[in-house]
């Protein structure tokens, strides 16, 4: 028996001075499963100097993930 699942893969980067400082990724299940969501600091020195901007980027990424999760939930509720 074949069982499949569908996910949305989302990735983002916080870029400072053309350098990747923080990498963010999320895998969002579209069939009621779970979301895997993480971030990784790629350049500690640039992160420390630019925490405010990096954290704003991370918050914007989080918000994007939440909006996708909410839209999936709304679609499921309407079905």
C-alpha atoms as a PDB file:
ATOM      1  CA  UNK A   1       0.000   0.000   0.000  1.00  0.00           C
ATOM      2  CA  UNK A   2       1.331   3.394  -0.972  1.00  0.00           C
ATOM      3  CA  UNK A   3       0.914   6.185   1.512  1.00  0.00           C
ATOM      4  CA  UNK A   4       2.010   9.673   0.532  1.00  0.00           C
ATOM      5  CA  UNK A   5       2.087  13.036   2.188  1.00  0.00           C
ATOM      6  CA  UNK A   6       2.414  16.542   0.858  1.00  0.00           C
ATOM      7  CA  UNK A   7       4.566  19.230   2.474  1.00  0.00           C
ATOM      8  CA  UNK A   8       5.483  22.800   1.762  1.00  0.00           C
ATOM      9  CA  UNK A   9       9.202  23.488   2.094  1.00  0.00           C
ATOM     10  CA  UNK A  10      10.128  27.051   2.922  1.00  0.00           C
ATOM     11  CA  UNK A  11      13.613  28.480   3.351  1.00  0.00           C
ATOM     12  CA  UNK A  12      14.971  31.943   4.026  1.00  0.00           C
ATOM     13  CA  UNK A  13      18.218  33.762   4.657  1.00  0.00           C
ATOM     14  CA  UNK A  14      19.042  36.845   6.681  1.00  0.00           C
ATOM     15  CA  UNK A  15      21.620  38.645   4.562  1.00  0.00           C
ATOM     16  CA  UNK A  16      23.937  41.366   5.892  1.00  0.00           C
ATOM     17  CA  UNK A  17      26.510  43.014   3.604  1.00  0.00           C
ATOM     18  CA  UNK A  18      25.844  40.337   0.949  1.00  0.00           C
ATOM     19  CA  UNK A  19      26.682  37.571   3.450  1.00  0.00           C
ATOM     20  CA  UNK A  20      24.335  34.885   4.737  1.00  0.00           C
ATOM     21  CA  UNK A  21      24.084  35.364   8.482  1.00  0.00           C
ATOM     22  CA  UNK A  22      21.079  33.222   9.446  1.00  0.00           C
ATOM     23  CA  UNK A  23      19.517  30.333   7.524  1.00  0.00           C
ATOM     24  CA  UNK A  24      15.894  29.444   8.285  1.00  0.00           C
ATOM     25  CA  UNK A  25      13.873  26.484   7.083  1.00  0.00           C
ATOM     26  CA  UNK A  26      10.452  24.973   7.619  1.00  0.00           C
ATOM     27  CA  UNK A  27       8.649  21.885   6.368  1.00  0.00           C
ATOM     28  CA  UNK A  28       4.911  22.312   6.712  1.00  0.00           C
ATOM     29  CA  UNK A  29       2.577  19.345   6.339  1.00  0.00           C
ATOM     30  CA  UNK A  30      -0.509  20.044   4.264  1.00  0.00           C
ATOM     31  CA  UNK A  31      -2.439  17.011   5.491  1.00  0.00           C
ATOM     32  CA  UNK A  32      -2.701  17.658   9.221  1.00  0.00           C
ATOM     33  CA  UNK A  33       0.787  16.506  10.138  1.00  0.00           C
ATOM     34  CA  UNK A  34       3.447  18.457  11.929  1.00  0.00           C
ATOM     35  CA  UNK A  35       5.651  21.399  11.065  1.00  0.00           C
ATOM     36  CA  UNK A  36       9.419  21.220  11.357  1.00  0.00           C
ATOM     37  CA  UNK A  37      10.879  24.697  11.809  1.00  0.00           C
ATOM     38  CA  UNK A  38      14.457  25.745  12.571  1.00  0.00           C
ATOM     39  CA  UNK A  39      17.123  28.399  12.131  1.00  0.00           C
ATOM     40  CA  UNK A  40      20.891  28.291  12.092  1.00  0.00           C
ATOM     41  CA  UNK A  41      23.354  31.137  12.616  1.00  0.00           C
ATOM     42  CA  UNK A  42      25.908  30.959   9.817  1.00  0.00           C
ATOM     43  CA  UNK A  43      28.103  33.933  10.754  1.00  0.00           C
ATOM     44  CA  UNK A  44      28.258  34.481  14.518  1.00  0.00           C
ATOM     45  CA  UNK A  45      30.225  37.754  14.335  1.00  0.00           C
ATOM     46  CA  UNK A  46      27.832  39.414  11.882  1.00  0.00           C
ATOM     47  CA  UNK A  47      24.889  38.076  13.858  1.00  0.00           C
ATOM     48  CA  UNK A  48      26.164  39.596  17.114  1.00  0.00           C
ATOM     49  CA  UNK A  49      26.625  43.017  15.479  1.00  0.00           C
ATOM     50  CA  UNK A  50      23.288  42.859  13.604  1.00  0.00           C
ATOM     51  CA  UNK A  51      21.017  41.009  16.043  1.00  0.00           C
ATOM     52  CA  UNK A  52      18.120  43.415  15.653  1.00  0.00           C
ATOM     53  CA  UNK A  53      17.941  43.082  11.870  1.00  0.00           C
ATOM     54  CA  UNK A  54      18.552  39.318  11.946  1.00  0.00           C
ATOM     55  CA  UNK A  55      15.852  38.810  14.549  1.00  0.00           C
ATOM     56  CA  UNK A  56      13.442  40.920  12.508  1.00  0.00           C
ATOM     57  CA  UNK A  57      14.129  38.650   9.527  1.00  0.00           C
ATOM     58  CA  UNK A  58      13.617  35.582  11.711  1.00  0.00           C
ATOM     59  CA  UNK A  59      10.329  36.983  13.034  1.00  0.00           C
ATOM     60  CA  UNK A  60       9.162  37.720   9.472  1.00  0.00           C
ATOM     61  CA  UNK A  61      10.016  34.138   8.493  1.00  0.00           C
ATOM     62  CA  UNK A  62       8.131  32.787  11.521  1.00  0.00           C
ATOM     63  CA  UNK A  63       5.108  34.895  10.568  1.00  0.00           C
ATOM     64  CA  UNK A  64       5.223  33.490   7.040  1.00  0.00           C
ATOM     65  CA  UNK A  65       5.233  29.937   8.431  1.00  0.00           C
ATOM     66  CA  UNK A  66       2.291  30.732  10.727  1.00  0.00           C
ATOM     67  CA  UNK A  67       0.300  32.236   7.844  1.00  0.00           C
ATOM     68  CA  UNK A  68       0.843  29.113   5.729  1.00  0.00           C
ATOM     69  CA  UNK A  69      -0.155  26.864   8.643  1.00  0.00           C
ATOM     70  CA  UNK A  70      -3.283  28.952   9.247  1.00  0.00           C
ATOM     71  CA  UNK A  71      -4.296  28.901   5.580  1.00  0.00           C
ATOM     72  CA  UNK A  72      -3.906  25.105   5.483  1.00  0.00           C
ATOM     73  CA  UNK A  73      -6.033  24.795   8.621  1.00  0.00           C
ATOM     74  CA  UNK A  74      -8.713  27.105   7.152  1.00  0.00           C
ATOM     75  CA  UNK A  75      -8.815  25.127   3.904  1.00  0.00           C
ATOM     76  CA  UNK A  76      -9.183  21.862   5.838  1.00  0.00           C
ATOM     77  CA  UNK A  77     -11.986  23.309   7.968  1.00  0.00           C
ATOM     78  CA  UNK A  78     -13.892  24.383   4.833  1.00  0.00           C
ATOM     79  CA  UNK A  79     -13.607  20.937   3.238  1.00  0.00           C
END
